[in-house]
Amino acid sequence: MAFHFYAYLSRMRFINRWGLMRNTFPENDMEHSMQCAMIAHALALIGNKRHAKSYLPERIMALALYHDASEVITGDLPTPIKHNNPAIKSEYKKIEELASSRLLSMLPDDLYEDYIPLITPDTKSDEWRIVKAADRLCAYIKCLEEAKAGNAEFREAQAGIEASIYAINLPEVQDFMREFIPGFTMTLDQISR
């Protein structure tokens, strides 16, 4: 019997993000998921090493890698549509749950249980909080990169996302903002010195 879980997930590269915004360069879900996984892993390490946290960095990295997996079925609904109307937000949540169930059904029985916490994570956990913080940081980085390329389309989004990041009460997030985010505003020559 053939299973299509990984073949389906490989199509994340065809799901474009920021659909209502004029992009200088496109970003897809697969690229975003990798960046989010790297940043979530870094946040977990910073939390453990500097702030006496006991995160499992590799688990958090895996959660981040799969955090948008359902979008391979649903597509990426733009944030202004997804979050600005409570009825749409509620219905989209149901659609995401159905998509996650469908993805899980594409696995053999002996792997199914291992993927449940990755595809349908505990959204109230500290681990998920780190993933969502990494997701916000990725959105902020996208805004910075678009601004660096001269695209003013993301200016308002950047201000709102930045404010939301500074409101996250996690010192590891603030450390990342202070120490790593400035590099995203620089040129290759500047970061290579």
C-alpha atoms as a PDB file:
ATOM      1  CA  MET A   1       0.000   0.000   0.000  1.00  0.00           C
ATOM      2  CA  ALA A   2       1.289   3.494  -0.856  1.00  0.00           C
ATOM      3  CA  PHE A   3       1.064   6.439   1.533  1.00  0.00           C
ATOM      4  CA  HIS A   4       1.047  10.026   0.348  1.00  0.00           C
ATOM      5  CA  PHE A   5       1.854  12.056   3.479  1.00  0.00           C
ATOM      6  CA  TYR A   6       5.323  13.165   2.377  1.00  0.00           C
ATOM      7  CA  ALA A   7       4.344  13.658  -1.260  1.00  0.00           C
ATOM      8  CA  TYR A   8       1.552  15.948  -0.093  1.00  0.00           C
ATOM      9  CA  LEU A   9       3.826  17.883   2.277  1.00  0.00           C
ATOM     10  CA  SER A  10       6.386  18.385  -0.481  1.00  0.00           C
ATOM     11  CA  ARG A  11       3.743  20.523  -2.173  1.00  0.00           C
ATOM     12  CA  MET A  12       4.052  23.114   0.599  1.00  0.00           C
ATOM     13  CA  ARG A  13       6.513  24.802  -1.750  1.00  0.00           C
ATOM     14  CA  PHE A  14       3.548  25.686  -3.984  1.00  0.00           C
ATOM     15  CA  ILE A  15       1.602  27.453  -1.205  1.00  0.00           C
ATOM     16  CA  ASN A  16       2.509  31.135  -1.400  1.00  0.00           C
ATOM     17  CA  ARG A  17       2.306  33.325   1.674  1.00  0.00           C
ATOM     18  CA  TRP A  18       1.263  36.971   1.981  1.00  0.00           C
ATOM     19  CA  GLY A  19      -1.359  36.539  -0.749  1.00  0.00           C
ATOM     20  CA  LEU A  20      -2.941  39.997  -0.533  1.00  0.00           C
ATOM     21  CA  MET A  21       0.358  41.851  -0.341  1.00  0.00           C
ATOM     22  CA  ARG A  22       2.594  42.957  -3.205  1.00  0.00           C
ATOM     23  CA  ASN A  23       5.788  40.994  -2.606  1.00  0.00           C
ATOM     24  CA  THR A  24       9.225  41.944  -3.897  1.00  0.00           C
ATOM     25  CA  PHE A  25      10.076  38.260  -3.684  1.00  0.00           C
ATOM     26  CA  PRO A  26       7.622  35.428  -3.020  1.00  0.00           C
ATOM     27  CA  GLU A  27       7.751  33.250   0.056  1.00  0.00           C
ATOM     28  CA  ASN A  28       6.219  29.788   0.235  1.00  0.00           C
ATOM     29  CA  ASP A  29       5.113  27.645   3.165  1.00  0.00           C
ATOM     30  CA  MET A  30       8.056  25.264   2.872  1.00  0.00           C
ATOM     31  CA  GLU A  31      10.624  28.073   3.078  1.00  0.00           C
ATOM     32  CA  HIS A  32       8.722  29.681   5.931  1.00  0.00           C
ATOM     33  CA  SER A  33       8.480  26.412   7.861  1.00  0.00           C
ATOM     34  CA  MET A  34      12.223  25.871   7.700  1.00  0.00           C
ATOM     35  CA  GLN A  35      12.964  29.418   8.852  1.00  0.00           C
ATOM     36  CA  CYS A  36      10.409  29.094  11.640  1.00  0.00           C
ATOM     37  CA  ALA A  37      11.942  25.787  12.757  1.00  0.00           C
ATOM     38  CA  MET A  38      15.438  27.301  12.920  1.00  0.00           C
ATOM     39  CA  ILE A  39      14.246  30.313  14.902  1.00  0.00           C
ATOM     40  CA  ALA A  40      12.076  28.231  17.263  1.00  0.00           C
ATOM     41  CA  HIS A  41      15.086  25.990  17.931  1.00  0.00           C
ATOM     42  CA  ALA A  42      17.207  29.069  18.689  1.00  0.00           C
ATOM     43  CA  LEU A  43      14.554  30.473  21.038  1.00  0.00           C
ATOM     44  CA  ALA A  44      14.450  27.186  22.921  1.00  0.00           C
ATOM     45  CA  LEU A  45      18.245  27.086  23.249  1.00  0.00           C
ATOM     46  CA  ILE A  46      18.352  30.708  24.434  1.00  0.00           C
ATOM     47  CA  GLY A  47      15.577  29.990  26.941  1.00  0.00           C
ATOM     48  CA  ASN A  48      17.439  26.976  28.317  1.00  0.00           C
ATOM     49  CA  LYS A  49      20.909  28.506  28.435  1.00  0.00           C
ATOM     50  CA  ARG A  50      20.029  31.991  29.669  1.00  0.00           C
ATOM     51  CA  HIS A  51      16.648  31.875  31.349  1.00  0.00           C
ATOM     52  CA  ALA A  52      16.522  28.554  33.233  1.00  0.00           C
ATOM     53  CA  LYS A  53      13.895  27.055  30.940  1.00  0.00           C
ATOM     54  CA  SER A  54      13.691  23.332  30.248  1.00  0.00           C
ATOM     55  CA  TYR A  55      12.532  23.289  26.643  1.00  0.00           C
ATOM     56  CA  LEU A  56      13.182  20.359  24.338  1.00  0.00           C
ATOM     57  CA  PRO A  57      14.759  22.275  21.423  1.00  0.00           C
ATOM     58  CA  GLU A  58      14.565  19.448  18.885  1.00  0.00           C
ATOM     59  CA  ARG A  59      10.898  18.806  19.682  1.00  0.00           C
ATOM     60  CA  ILE A  60      10.129  22.516  19.346  1.00  0.00           C
ATOM     61  CA  MET A  61      11.996  22.559  16.045  1.00  0.00           C
ATOM     62  CA  ALA A  62       9.859  19.658  14.795  1.00  0.00           C
ATOM     63  CA  LEU A  63       6.656  21.385  15.936  1.00  0.00           C
ATOM     64  CA  ALA A  64       7.686  24.505  14.038  1.00  0.00           C
ATOM     65  CA  LEU A  65       8.559  22.518  10.940  1.00  0.00           C
ATOM     66  CA  TYR A  66       5.000  21.157  10.809  1.00  0.00           C
ATOM     67  CA  HIS A  67       3.133  24.204  12.210  1.00  0.00           C
ATOM     68  CA  ASP A  68       1.573  25.154   8.856  1.00  0.00           C
ATOM     69  CA  ALA A  69       1.286  21.630   7.419  1.00  0.00           C
ATOM     70  CA  SER A  70      -2.514  21.802   7.112  1.00  0.00           C
ATOM     71  CA  GLU A  71      -2.104  24.714   4.692  1.00  0.00           C
ATOM     72  CA  VAL A  72      -0.990  22.244   2.019  1.00  0.00           C
ATOM     73  CA  ILE A  73      -4.694  21.342   1.883  1.00  0.00           C
ATOM     74  CA  THR A  74      -6.355  24.622   2.927  1.00  0.00           C
ATOM     75  CA  GLY A  75      -3.965  27.093   1.328  1.00  0.00           C
ATOM     76  CA  ASP A  76      -2.736  30.136   3.232  1.00  0.00           C
ATOM     77  CA  LEU A  77      -5.707  32.328   4.063  1.00  0.00           C
ATOM     78  CA  PRO A  78      -4.480  35.934   4.393  1.00  0.00           C
ATOM     79  CA  THR A  79      -4.336  37.225   7.972  1.00  0.00           C
ATOM     80  CA  PRO A  80      -6.793  40.112   7.455  1.00  0.00           C
ATOM     81  CA  ILE A  81      -9.394  37.588   6.340  1.00  0.00           C
ATOM     82  CA  LYS A  82      -8.509  34.831   8.804  1.00  0.00           C
ATOM     83  CA  HIS A  83      -8.316  36.916  11.984  1.00  0.00           C
ATOM     84  CA  ASN A  84     -10.520  39.974  11.544  1.00  0.00           C
ATOM     85  CA  ASN A  85     -13.863  38.194  11.475  1.00  0.00           C
ATOM     86  CA  PRO A  86     -14.729  35.868  14.398  1.00  0.00           C
ATOM     87  CA  ALA A  87     -17.080  33.720  12.307  1.00  0.00           C
ATOM     88  CA  ILE A  88     -14.486  33.184   9.561  1.00  0.00           C
ATOM     89  CA  LYS A  89     -11.791  32.518  12.164  1.00  0.00           C
ATOM     90  CA  SER A  90     -13.949  29.875  13.840  1.00  0.00           C
ATOM     91  CA  GLU A  91     -14.886  28.176  10.568  1.00  0.00           C
ATOM     92  CA  TYR A  92     -11.304  28.265   9.305  1.00  0.00           C
ATOM     93  CA  LYS A  93     -10.186  26.569  12.535  1.00  0.00           C
ATOM     94  CA  LYS A  94     -12.619  23.732  11.731  1.00  0.00           C
ATOM     95  CA  ILE A  95     -11.268  23.506   8.184  1.00  0.00           C
ATOM     96  CA  GLU A  96      -7.700  23.343   9.547  1.00  0.00           C
ATOM     97  CA  GLU A  97      -8.736  20.490  11.859  1.00  0.00           C
ATOM     98  CA  LEU A  98     -10.269  18.579   8.946  1.00  0.00           C
ATOM     99  CA  ALA A  99      -7.137  19.174   6.851  1.00  0.00           C
ATOM    100  CA  SER A 100      -4.931  17.934   9.699  1.00  0.00           C
ATOM    101  CA  SER A 101      -7.048  14.785  10.021  1.00  0.00           C
ATOM    102  CA  ARG A 102      -6.773  14.198   6.301  1.00  0.00           C
ATOM    103  CA  LEU A 103      -2.974  14.565   6.421  1.00  0.00           C
ATOM    104  CA  LEU A 104      -2.731  12.141   9.325  1.00  0.00           C
ATOM    105  CA  SER A 105      -4.837   9.633   7.398  1.00  0.00           C
ATOM    106  CA  MET A 106      -2.075   9.563   4.769  1.00  0.00           C
ATOM    107  CA  LEU A 107       0.302   7.827   7.188  1.00  0.00           C
ATOM    108  CA  PRO A 108       0.731   4.124   7.901  1.00  0.00           C
ATOM    109  CA  ASP A 109      -0.629   2.950  11.251  1.00  0.00           C
ATOM    110  CA  ASP A 110       2.801   2.510  12.841  1.00  0.00           C
ATOM    111  CA  LEU A 111       3.710   6.210  12.237  1.00  0.00           C
ATOM    112  CA  TYR A 112       0.283   7.744  12.827  1.00  0.00           C
ATOM    113  CA  GLU A 113       0.607   8.211  16.607  1.00  0.00           C
ATOM    114  CA  ASP A 114       4.024   9.857  16.263  1.00  0.00           C
ATOM    115  CA  TYR A 115       2.650  12.576  13.994  1.00  0.00           C
ATOM    116  CA  ILE A 116      -0.502  13.447  15.955  1.00  0.00           C
ATOM    117  CA  PRO A 117       1.315  15.871  18.308  1.00  0.00           C
ATOM    118  CA  LEU A 118       3.118  17.472  15.351  1.00  0.00           C
ATOM    119  CA  ILE A 119       0.114  17.931  13.066  1.00  0.00           C
ATOM    120  CA  THR A 120      -2.414  18.628  15.845  1.00  0.00           C
ATOM    121  CA  PRO A 121      -0.239  20.170  18.589  1.00  0.00           C
ATOM    122  CA  ASP A 122      -1.248  21.206  22.081  1.00  0.00           C
ATOM    123  CA  THR A 123      -1.780  24.902  21.384  1.00  0.00           C
ATOM    124  CA  LYS A 124      -1.760  25.728  25.096  1.00  0.00           C
ATOM    125  CA  SER A 125       1.725  24.340  25.732  1.00  0.00           C
ATOM    126  CA  ASP A 126       4.902  26.339  26.379  1.00  0.00           C
ATOM    127  CA  GLU A 127       6.413  24.615  23.345  1.00  0.00           C
ATOM    128  CA  TRP A 128       3.652  25.960  21.097  1.00  0.00           C
ATOM    129  CA  ARG A 129       4.139  29.417  22.573  1.00  0.00           C
ATOM    130  CA  ILE A 130       7.755  29.315  21.366  1.00  0.00           C
ATOM    131  CA  VAL A 131       6.624  28.164  17.899  1.00  0.00           C
ATOM    132  CA  LYS A 132       4.104  31.004  17.662  1.00  0.00           C
ATOM    133  CA  ALA A 133       6.764  33.493  18.776  1.00  0.00           C
ATOM    134  CA  ALA A 134       9.096  32.159  16.075  1.00  0.00           C
ATOM    135  CA  ASP A 135       6.258  32.479  13.561  1.00  0.00           C
ATOM    136  CA  ARG A 136       5.843  36.156  14.518  1.00  0.00           C
ATOM    137  CA  LEU A 137       9.586  36.713  14.221  1.00  0.00           C
ATOM    138  CA  CYS A 138       9.495  35.211  10.717  1.00  0.00           C
ATOM    139  CA  ALA A 139       6.692  37.597   9.748  1.00  0.00           C
ATOM    140  CA  TYR A 140       8.724  40.496  11.113  1.00  0.00           C
ATOM    141  CA  ILE A 141      11.797  39.369   9.177  1.00  0.00           C
ATOM    142  CA  LYS A 142       9.714  39.218   6.001  1.00  0.00           C
ATOM    143  CA  CYS A 143       8.605  42.815   6.616  1.00  0.00           C
ATOM    144  CA  LEU A 144      12.199  43.937   7.191  1.00  0.00           C
ATOM    145  CA  GLU A 145      13.390  42.232   4.032  1.00  0.00           C
ATOM    146  CA  GLU A 146      10.598  43.779   1.961  1.00  0.00           C
ATOM    147  CA  ALA A 147      11.404  47.221   3.401  1.00  0.00           C
ATOM    148  CA  LYS A 148      15.097  46.694   2.608  1.00  0.00           C
ATOM    149  CA  ALA A 149      14.079  45.973  -0.991  1.00  0.00           C
ATOM    150  CA  GLY A 150      12.174  49.270  -1.132  1.00  0.00           C
ATOM    151  CA  ASN A 151       8.682  47.805  -0.823  1.00  0.00           C
ATOM    152  CA  ALA A 152       6.509  50.034   1.396  1.00  0.00           C
ATOM    153  CA  GLU A 153       3.595  47.553   1.181  1.00  0.00           C
ATOM    154  CA  PHE A 154       4.692  45.880   4.432  1.00  0.00           C
ATOM    155  CA  ARG A 155       5.270  49.070   6.470  1.00  0.00           C
ATOM    156  CA  GLU A 156       2.026  48.920   8.455  1.00  0.00           C
ATOM    157  CA  ALA A 157       2.285  45.159   8.967  1.00  0.00           C
ATOM    158  CA  GLN A 158       5.842  45.638  10.244  1.00  0.00           C
ATOM    159  CA  ALA A 159       4.766  48.135  12.908  1.00  0.00           C
ATOM    160  CA  GLY A 160       1.937  45.906  14.126  1.00  0.00           C
ATOM    161  CA  ILE A 161       4.037  42.757  14.158  1.00  0.00           C
ATOM    162  CA  GLU A 162       6.895  44.502  15.949  1.00  0.00           C
ATOM    163  CA  ALA A 163       4.514  45.703  18.665  1.00  0.00           C
ATOM    164  CA  SER A 164       3.107  42.192  19.041  1.00  0.00           C
ATOM    165  CA  ILE A 165       6.612  40.745  19.413  1.00  0.00           C
ATOM    166  CA  TYR A 166       7.570  43.230  22.121  1.00  0.00           C
ATOM    167  CA  ALA A 167       4.348  42.257  23.927  1.00  0.00           C
ATOM    168  CA  ILE A 168       5.450  38.602  24.117  1.00  0.00           C
ATOM    169  CA  ASN A 169       6.508  37.999  27.681  1.00  0.00           C
ATOM    170  CA  LEU A 170       9.391  35.651  26.913  1.00  0.00           C
ATOM    171  CA  PRO A 171      12.942  36.901  27.537  1.00  0.00           C
ATOM    172  CA  GLU A 172      14.320  34.546  24.890  1.00  0.00           C
ATOM    173  CA  VAL A 173      12.221  36.333  22.267  1.00  0.00           C
ATOM    174  CA  GLN A 174      13.512  39.722  23.367  1.00  0.00           C
ATOM    175  CA  ASP A 175      17.103  38.410  23.315  1.00  0.00           C
ATOM    176  CA  PHE A 176      16.584  37.201  19.746  1.00  0.00           C
ATOM    177  CA  MET A 177      15.134  40.567  18.707  1.00  0.00           C
ATOM    178  CA  ARG A 178      18.076  42.440  20.179  1.00  0.00           C
ATOM    179  CA  GLU A 179      20.869  40.140  19.047  1.00  0.00           C
ATOM    180  CA  PHE A 180      19.798  38.560  15.752  1.00  0.00           C
ATOM    181  CA  ILE A 181      17.157  40.709  14.086  1.00  0.00           C
ATOM    182  CA  PRO A 182      19.472  43.656  13.211  1.00  0.00           C
ATOM    183  CA  GLY A 183      21.352  41.440  10.744  1.00  0.00           C
ATOM    184  CA  PHE A 184      18.235  41.130   8.610  1.00  0.00           C
ATOM    185  CA  THR A 185      18.344  44.846   7.834  1.00  0.00           C
ATOM    186  CA  MET A 186      21.931  44.701   6.586  1.00  0.00           C
ATOM    187  CA  THR A 187      23.496  43.904   3.233  1.00  0.00           C
ATOM    188  CA  LEU A 188      25.536  40.775   2.570  1.00  0.00           C
ATOM    189  CA  ASP A 189      28.754  42.849   2.717  1.00  0.00           C
ATOM    190  CA  GLN A 190      27.748  44.243   6.105  1.00  0.00           C
ATOM    191  CA  ILE A 191      26.974  40.863   7.678  1.00  0.00           C
ATOM    192  CA  SER A 192      30.124  39.314   6.153  1.00  0.00           C
ATOM    193  CA  ARG A 193      32.531  41.713   7.893  1.00  0.00           C
END
